[in-house]
């Protein structure tokens, strides 16, 4: 039976249990949602939360500013999160939630919201909470300050596979515009920058490779759940291992927001091993070489082989450079036009997009 959301926000609601927090880290189109779906079903003590952006919005403000927010200001921040509805908290309850949480610390706010969500879903027994947002890696210092116990689960994919998927996947929050600006060079740079970012983190991170994940997803999820709950870090190759489904697996589904359903149609399917190398037929030769030229050093370090079979990455071709220049010029021209249109017709969206753009320039998004 689903709990009444109003009862979860009463002052006499049951006290929150002490929970540990972890984060899922990933470059776009690396299989993070596919893995989140499996991790959610791996152990009833591990709660895999739907993706929402409020944690990052609060990190950007800083804890001192967060504590100074009154109820109206906090409600504005909640409404700026276009994914907050993924948590299943009815929108008419948001003002009361903001009123009760105004003046609290970032951690207290997030713990309370997580607790409301888990009680709504009948998961109040969860001990470990995994938050899903790629931008956690860009805000590592703030994450560590709020959650000193933090650990990360890095879902990583061959850069050619991630880049190919970006080019073919529309952004659910940008009117179907291709991810990575529809540009293979930009996609490769996003992947490379994210790998470097995760490598620089000073908190424990376990790596989940998309290619081996497809071979035994339930086993890999069970191993990672054990690690999150305090066990030893498992080996990356878990193929052939047996996985035991939790008794309440049906009650532990990972929920994808309505806006994102069309781009995550495969998350519950099995037998997807061919997706590991689908990029080989999806990308033109010059596109494969462009990814390898940009990601080359990292590919070597991580054990991904080059298409040529050689040891050195190719040089970035003139075709790739010129195509990228054209794509980026088109993208930023389009973005400037849309920002002006939003400023005139939808100031809230304009403010959100401008904040994201500034955060991206500062390396925080």
Protein backbone atom coordinates (compact mmCIF):
# COMPACT_ATOMS: atom_id res chain seq x y z
CA UNK A 1 0.00 0.00 0.00
CA UNK A 2 1.37 3.44 -0.99
CA UNK A 3 1.65 5.86 1.91
CA UNK A 4 -0.24 9.13 2.03
CA UNK A 5 2.22 11.92 1.11
CA UNK A 6 0.63 14.34 3.56
CA UNK A 7 1.31 12.00 6.47
CA UNK A 8 5.00 11.79 5.52
CA UNK A 9 5.44 15.54 6.04
CA UNK A 10 3.66 15.94 9.36
CA UNK A 11 5.66 17.15 12.31
CA UNK A 12 4.65 13.96 14.17
CA UNK A 13 5.85 11.67 11.37
CA UNK A 14 8.23 8.87 12.43
CA UNK A 15 11.84 9.98 12.84
CA UNK A 16 14.17 9.49 9.90
CA UNK A 17 16.60 6.59 10.16
CA UNK A 18 20.30 7.31 9.78
CA UNK A 19 21.23 6.65 6.17
CA UNK A 20 24.45 6.73 4.18
CA UNK A 21 24.61 8.43 0.80
CA UNK A 22 26.34 7.44 -2.42
CA UNK A 23 26.14 8.92 -5.91
CA UNK A 24 25.99 7.43 -9.39
CA UNK A 25 28.47 9.07 -11.76
CA UNK A 26 28.32 8.80 -15.54
CA UNK A 27 28.84 10.55 -18.84
CA UNK A 28 25.67 10.75 -20.92
CA UNK A 29 24.54 7.56 -22.69
CA UNK A 30 26.87 5.28 -20.74
CA UNK A 31 24.27 2.85 -19.40
CA UNK A 32 23.66 4.51 -16.03
CA UNK A 33 19.87 4.19 -16.21
CA UNK A 34 20.17 0.57 -17.32
CA UNK A 35 22.38 -0.12 -14.29
CA UNK A 36 20.23 1.97 -11.92
CA UNK A 37 17.26 -0.23 -12.84
CA UNK A 38 19.25 -3.34 -11.80
CA UNK A 39 20.75 -1.77 -8.69
CA UNK A 40 17.29 -0.74 -7.48
CA UNK A 41 16.31 -4.41 -7.44
CA UNK A 42 19.55 -5.77 -6.00
CA UNK A 43 18.99 -5.40 -2.25
CA UNK A 44 16.11 -3.87 -0.23
CA UNK A 45 18.65 -2.05 1.92
CA UNK A 46 19.89 -0.05 -1.09
CA UNK A 47 17.57 2.66 -2.44
CA UNK A 48 18.26 3.89 -5.98
CA UNK A 49 16.53 7.25 -6.26
CA UNK A 50 15.08 8.68 -9.47
CA UNK A 51 17.17 11.42 -11.02
CA UNK A 52 16.46 14.92 -9.71
CA UNK A 53 18.50 18.12 -9.72
CA UNK A 54 17.73 19.73 -6.37
CA UNK A 55 20.98 18.53 -4.72
CA UNK A 56 23.07 20.28 -7.37
CA UNK A 57 20.97 23.45 -7.20
CA UNK A 58 21.56 23.56 -3.44
CA UNK A 59 25.29 22.83 -3.84
CA UNK A 60 25.58 25.84 -6.15
CA UNK A 61 24.14 28.11 -3.47
CA UNK A 62 26.36 26.88 -0.65
CA UNK A 63 25.16 25.72 2.77
CA UNK A 64 25.19 29.16 4.39
CA UNK A 65 22.91 30.58 1.67
CA UNK A 66 20.69 27.48 1.79
CA UNK A 67 20.13 27.95 5.54
CA UNK A 68 19.07 31.56 4.91
CA UNK A 69 16.32 30.62 2.43
CA UNK A 70 12.78 31.27 3.61
CA UNK A 71 9.91 29.02 2.54
CA UNK A 72 9.14 30.95 -0.66
CA UNK A 73 12.78 31.03 -1.74
CA UNK A 74 13.22 27.31 -1.08
CA UNK A 75 10.04 26.56 -3.00
CA UNK A 76 11.45 28.53 -5.95
CA UNK A 77 14.56 26.33 -5.90
CA UNK A 78 12.42 23.18 -5.81
CA UNK A 79 10.39 24.42 -8.76
CA UNK A 80 13.56 25.21 -10.69
CA UNK A 81 14.27 21.47 -10.67
CA UNK A 82 12.58 20.19 -13.83
CA UNK A 83 13.01 16.62 -12.53
CA UNK A 84 11.68 17.06 -9.00
CA UNK A 85 8.36 15.48 -9.95
CA UNK A 86 10.27 12.23 -10.58
CA UNK A 87 10.25 11.73 -6.80
CA UNK A 88 6.48 11.22 -6.80
CA UNK A 89 5.75 13.95 -4.27
CA UNK A 90 2.50 15.65 -5.40
CA UNK A 91 3.08 19.23 -6.54
CA UNK A 92 0.39 20.60 -4.27
CA UNK A 93 2.46 19.34 -1.33
CA UNK A 94 5.63 21.22 -2.34
CA UNK A 95 4.75 24.49 -0.54
CA UNK A 96 4.19 22.65 2.74
CA UNK A 97 7.42 20.74 2.24
CA UNK A 98 9.33 23.99 1.65
CA UNK A 99 7.74 25.58 4.72
CA UNK A 100 8.84 22.72 6.95
CA UNK A 101 12.39 22.63 5.56
CA UNK A 102 13.16 26.35 5.33
CA UNK A 103 16.13 27.34 7.46
CA UNK A 104 17.68 23.87 7.52
CA UNK A 105 21.03 22.74 6.14
CA UNK A 106 21.52 21.24 2.71
CA UNK A 107 21.89 17.77 4.16
CA UNK A 108 18.81 18.10 6.36
CA UNK A 109 16.74 19.24 3.39
CA UNK A 110 17.91 16.40 1.18
CA UNK A 111 17.57 13.77 3.90
CA UNK A 112 14.01 14.89 4.59
CA UNK A 113 13.01 14.86 0.93
CA UNK A 114 14.61 11.46 0.42
CA UNK A 115 12.77 10.16 3.48
CA UNK A 116 9.43 11.40 2.15
CA UNK A 117 10.09 9.69 -1.18
CA UNK A 118 11.15 6.40 0.40
CA UNK A 119 8.15 6.28 2.72
CA UNK A 120 5.84 6.98 -0.21
CA UNK A 121 7.38 4.01 -2.00
CA UNK A 122 7.38 1.69 1.00
CA UNK A 123 11.20 1.71 1.19
CA UNK A 124 11.69 3.27 4.61
CA UNK A 125 14.01 0.41 5.64
CA UNK A 126 16.71 1.47 3.15
CA UNK A 127 20.13 2.02 4.71
CA UNK A 128 22.07 3.24 1.67
CA UNK A 129 20.70 5.91 -0.66
CA UNK A 130 22.15 6.31 -4.15
CA UNK A 131 21.53 9.67 -5.80
CA UNK A 132 21.76 9.82 -9.59
CA UNK A 133 23.10 12.93 -11.30
CA UNK A 134 26.15 13.26 -13.53
CA UNK A 135 26.88 16.75 -12.15
CA UNK A 136 27.90 15.39 -8.76
CA UNK A 137 31.38 14.87 -10.18
CA UNK A 138 31.50 18.55 -11.18
CA UNK A 139 30.64 19.58 -7.62
CA UNK A 140 32.84 17.12 -5.74
CA UNK A 141 33.94 19.51 -3.00
CA UNK A 142 30.37 20.46 -2.14
CA UNK A 143 29.25 16.82 -2.26
CA UNK A 144 31.98 15.82 0.17
CA UNK A 145 31.16 18.73 2.49
CA UNK A 146 27.49 17.74 2.70
CA UNK A 147 28.04 13.97 2.70
CA UNK A 148 31.41 13.14 4.33
CA UNK A 149 30.68 9.41 3.93
CA UNK A 150 30.13 9.75 0.18
CA UNK A 151 31.09 7.03 -2.28
CA UNK A 152 30.61 6.88 -6.02
CA UNK A 153 29.50 4.31 -8.58
CA UNK A 154 30.98 5.24 -11.95
CA UNK A 155 29.17 3.69 -14.91
CA UNK A 156 31.48 3.93 -17.90
CA UNK A 157 31.15 2.97 -21.56
CA UNK A 158 33.52 2.74 -24.51
CA UNK A 159 33.74 6.37 -25.69
CA UNK A 160 32.74 5.40 -29.22
CA UNK A 161 29.59 3.75 -27.90
CA UNK A 162 28.71 6.69 -25.66
CA UNK A 163 29.38 9.23 -28.42
CA UNK A 164 27.39 7.26 -31.00
CA UNK A 165 24.43 7.03 -28.63
CA UNK A 166 24.57 10.77 -27.89
CA UNK A 167 24.31 11.60 -31.59
CA UNK A 168 21.26 9.38 -31.95
CA UNK A 169 19.43 10.39 -28.78
CA UNK A 170 17.24 13.50 -28.47
CA UNK A 171 17.43 15.56 -25.31
CA UNK A 172 14.15 15.14 -23.40
CA UNK A 173 14.50 18.65 -21.95
CA UNK A 174 15.49 20.48 -25.14
CA UNK A 175 12.67 19.82 -27.62
CA UNK A 176 14.32 16.75 -29.09
CA UNK A 177 17.62 18.46 -29.96
CA UNK A 178 20.43 15.87 -30.22
CA UNK A 179 22.64 15.40 -27.20
CA UNK A 180 26.23 16.67 -27.33
CA UNK A 181 25.05 19.34 -29.81
CA UNK A 182 24.83 16.56 -32.40
CA UNK A 183 28.62 16.77 -32.69
CA UNK A 184 30.94 13.75 -32.51
CA UNK A 185 33.94 15.85 -31.45
CA UNK A 186 32.02 17.49 -28.62
CA UNK A 187 30.68 14.08 -27.51
CA UNK A 188 34.22 12.70 -27.33
CA UNK A 189 35.38 15.70 -25.33
CA UNK A 190 32.48 15.31 -22.90
CA UNK A 191 33.43 11.68 -22.30
CA UNK A 192 37.14 12.49 -21.92
CA UNK A 193 36.52 15.37 -19.54
CA UNK A 194 34.22 13.27 -17.40
CA UNK A 195 36.69 10.39 -17.13
CA UNK A 196 39.37 12.86 -16.01
CA UNK A 197 36.98 14.39 -13.50
CA UNK A 198 36.11 11.06 -11.89
CA UNK A 199 39.80 10.11 -11.76
CA UNK A 200 40.48 13.26 -9.73
CA UNK A 201 37.92 12.51 -7.00
CA UNK A 202 39.29 11.94 -3.52
CA UNK A 203 36.45 9.70 -2.38
CA UNK A 204 35.99 5.95 -2.99
CA UNK A 205 34.62 5.13 -6.44
CA UNK A 206 33.74 1.73 -7.86
CA UNK A 207 33.78 1.32 -11.64
CA UNK A 208 31.06 -0.43 -13.62
CA UNK A 209 31.91 -1.06 -17.28
CA UNK A 210 28.90 -1.05 -19.61
CA UNK A 211 30.40 -3.78 -21.78
CA UNK A 212 30.80 -6.31 -18.95
CA UNK A 213 27.60 -5.11 -17.29
CA UNK A 214 25.59 -6.34 -20.28
CA UNK A 215 26.94 -9.85 -19.77
CA UNK A 216 25.63 -10.24 -16.20
CA UNK A 217 23.68 -7.16 -15.06
CA UNK A 218 22.01 -8.68 -11.98
CA UNK A 219 25.28 -10.17 -10.72
CA UNK A 220 27.12 -6.90 -11.18
CA UNK A 221 24.36 -4.98 -9.39
CA UNK A 222 24.43 -7.43 -6.48
CA UNK A 223 28.20 -7.01 -6.17
CA UNK A 224 27.97 -3.23 -6.14
CA UNK A 225 25.15 -3.33 -3.58
CA UNK A 226 27.34 -5.43 -1.28
CA UNK A 227 30.16 -2.91 -1.68
CA UNK A 228 27.82 -0.04 -0.85
CA UNK A 229 26.69 -1.88 2.26
CA UNK A 230 30.25 -2.28 3.47
CA UNK A 231 31.60 -5.30 1.64
CA UNK A 232 34.85 -5.60 -0.28
CA UNK A 233 35.06 -4.10 -3.76
CA UNK A 234 34.25 -6.83 -6.32
CA UNK A 235 36.22 -7.61 -9.44
CA UNK A 236 34.97 -5.92 -12.60
CA UNK A 237 34.33 -9.18 -14.46
CA UNK A 238 31.29 -10.82 -12.87
CA UNK A 239 30.22 -12.89 -15.85
CA UNK A 240 29.19 -16.35 -14.79
CA UNK A 241 28.27 -15.27 -11.26
CA UNK A 242 24.85 -16.10 -9.92
CA UNK A 243 22.69 -13.27 -8.64
CA UNK A 244 19.93 -13.65 -6.10
CA UNK A 245 16.97 -11.32 -6.53
CA UNK A 246 15.71 -9.63 -3.35
CA UNK A 247 12.46 -10.84 -1.93
CA UNK A 248 10.75 -7.53 -2.62
CA UNK A 249 12.26 -6.87 -6.05
CA UNK A 250 8.87 -5.94 -7.49
CA UNK A 251 8.60 -3.07 -5.01
CA UNK A 252 12.03 -1.69 -5.86
CA UNK A 253 11.64 -0.54 -9.44
CA UNK A 254 13.84 2.35 -10.61
CA UNK A 255 11.49 5.07 -11.82
CA UNK A 256 12.27 7.00 -14.97
CA UNK A 257 10.65 10.41 -15.40
CA UNK A 258 7.91 10.66 -18.00
CA UNK A 259 9.97 13.05 -20.12
CA UNK A 260 12.77 10.48 -20.36
CA UNK A 261 10.82 7.29 -21.05
CA UNK A 262 11.33 7.46 -24.80
CA UNK A 263 15.13 7.54 -24.51
CA UNK A 264 15.33 4.70 -21.96
CA UNK A 265 13.19 2.05 -23.64
CA UNK A 266 15.79 -0.71 -23.18
CA UNK A 267 16.52 -0.43 -19.46
CA UNK A 268 14.46 -3.46 -18.41
CA UNK A 269 15.48 -5.71 -21.30
CA UNK A 270 18.04 -8.49 -21.23
CA UNK A 271 20.15 -9.95 -24.02
CA UNK A 272 21.60 -6.61 -25.09
CA UNK A 273 25.21 -7.72 -25.48
CA UNK A 274 25.26 -6.52 -29.09
CA UNK A 275 24.89 -2.94 -27.82
CA UNK A 276 28.46 -3.11 -26.53
CA UNK A 277 29.86 -2.92 -30.07
CA UNK A 278 26.94 -1.37 -31.98
CA UNK A 279 28.99 1.80 -32.46
CA UNK A 280 31.17 -0.05 -34.97
CA UNK A 281 28.33 -0.08 -37.51
CA UNK A 282 26.69 3.16 -36.37
CA UNK A 283 29.68 5.48 -36.75
CA UNK A 284 31.34 6.42 -40.01
CA UNK A 285 35.10 5.67 -40.10
CA UNK A 286 36.00 9.35 -39.73
CA UNK A 287 33.74 9.61 -36.67
CA UNK A 288 35.34 6.59 -34.98
CA UNK A 289 38.77 8.04 -35.62
CA UNK A 290 37.69 11.43 -34.26
CA UNK A 291 36.64 9.87 -30.96
CA UNK A 292 39.87 7.89 -30.76
CA UNK A 293 41.96 11.00 -31.49
CA UNK A 294 40.39 12.91 -28.60
CA UNK A 295 39.97 10.07 -26.09
CA UNK A 296 43.11 8.18 -27.11
CA UNK A 297 45.26 8.50 -23.99
CA UNK A 298 42.35 7.61 -21.74
CA UNK A 299 41.33 4.70 -23.95
CA UNK A 300 44.82 3.27 -23.65
CA UNK A 301 44.80 3.67 -19.88
CA UNK A 302 41.39 2.03 -19.57
CA UNK A 303 42.10 -0.82 -21.97
CA UNK A 304 39.92 0.15 -24.94
CA UNK A 305 41.53 -0.88 -28.24
CA UNK A 306 41.83 1.45 -31.23
CA UNK A 307 40.08 0.58 -34.48
CA UNK A 308 43.41 0.31 -36.28
CA UNK A 309 44.69 -2.23 -33.78
CA UNK A 310 47.71 0.00 -33.14
CA UNK A 311 49.01 1.48 -29.91
CA UNK A 312 48.76 5.18 -30.77
CA UNK A 313 45.60 7.23 -31.34
CA UNK A 314 45.10 8.86 -34.75
CA UNK A 315 45.32 12.61 -35.34
CA UNK A 316 42.08 14.58 -35.41
CA UNK A 317 41.19 15.02 -39.08
CA UNK A 318 40.43 18.32 -40.79
CA UNK A 319 36.98 16.96 -41.66
CA UNK A 320 36.23 16.38 -37.98
CA UNK A 321 37.47 19.85 -37.04
CA UNK A 322 35.43 21.67 -39.69
CA UNK A 323 32.29 19.62 -39.03
CA UNK A 324 32.59 20.35 -35.32
CA UNK A 325 33.05 24.07 -35.96
CA UNK A 326 29.88 24.10 -38.05
CA UNK A 327 27.92 22.14 -35.43
CA UNK A 328 29.08 24.34 -32.55
CA UNK A 329 28.31 27.55 -34.45
CA UNK A 330 24.82 26.29 -35.18
CA UNK A 331 24.30 25.15 -31.59
CA UNK A 332 25.31 28.39 -29.90
CA UNK A 333 23.37 30.46 -32.42
CA UNK A 334 20.28 28.37 -31.70
CA UNK A 335 20.86 28.58 -27.94
CA UNK A 336 21.19 32.38 -28.00
CA UNK A 337 17.97 32.70 -29.98
CA UNK A 338 16.05 30.39 -27.65
CA UNK A 339 17.36 32.19 -24.57
CA UNK A 340 16.09 35.51 -25.93
CA UNK A 341 12.72 33.93 -26.74
CA UNK A 342 12.43 32.44 -23.25
CA UNK A 343 13.38 35.78 -21.69
CA UNK A 344 10.37 37.31 -23.42
CA UNK A 345 7.88 34.47 -22.93
CA UNK A 346 9.05 32.30 -20.01
CA UNK A 347 11.41 34.12 -17.59
CA UNK A 348 11.70 31.11 -15.25
CA UNK A 349 12.99 28.84 -18.03
CA UNK A 350 15.31 31.61 -19.23
CA UNK A 351 16.74 31.94 -15.71
CA UNK A 352 17.23 28.19 -15.34
CA UNK A 353 18.95 27.86 -18.71
CA UNK A 354 21.20 30.87 -18.10
CA UNK A 355 22.19 29.48 -14.71
CA UNK A 356 23.04 26.13 -16.31
CA UNK A 357 25.09 27.85 -19.01
CA UNK A 358 27.08 29.84 -16.44
CA UNK A 359 27.59 26.71 -14.31
CA UNK A 360 28.85 24.83 -17.37
CA UNK A 361 31.38 27.58 -18.10
CA UNK A 362 32.55 27.32 -14.49
CA UNK A 363 32.88 23.54 -14.77
CA UNK A 364 30.07 22.82 -12.30
CA UNK A 365 27.52 21.28 -14.68
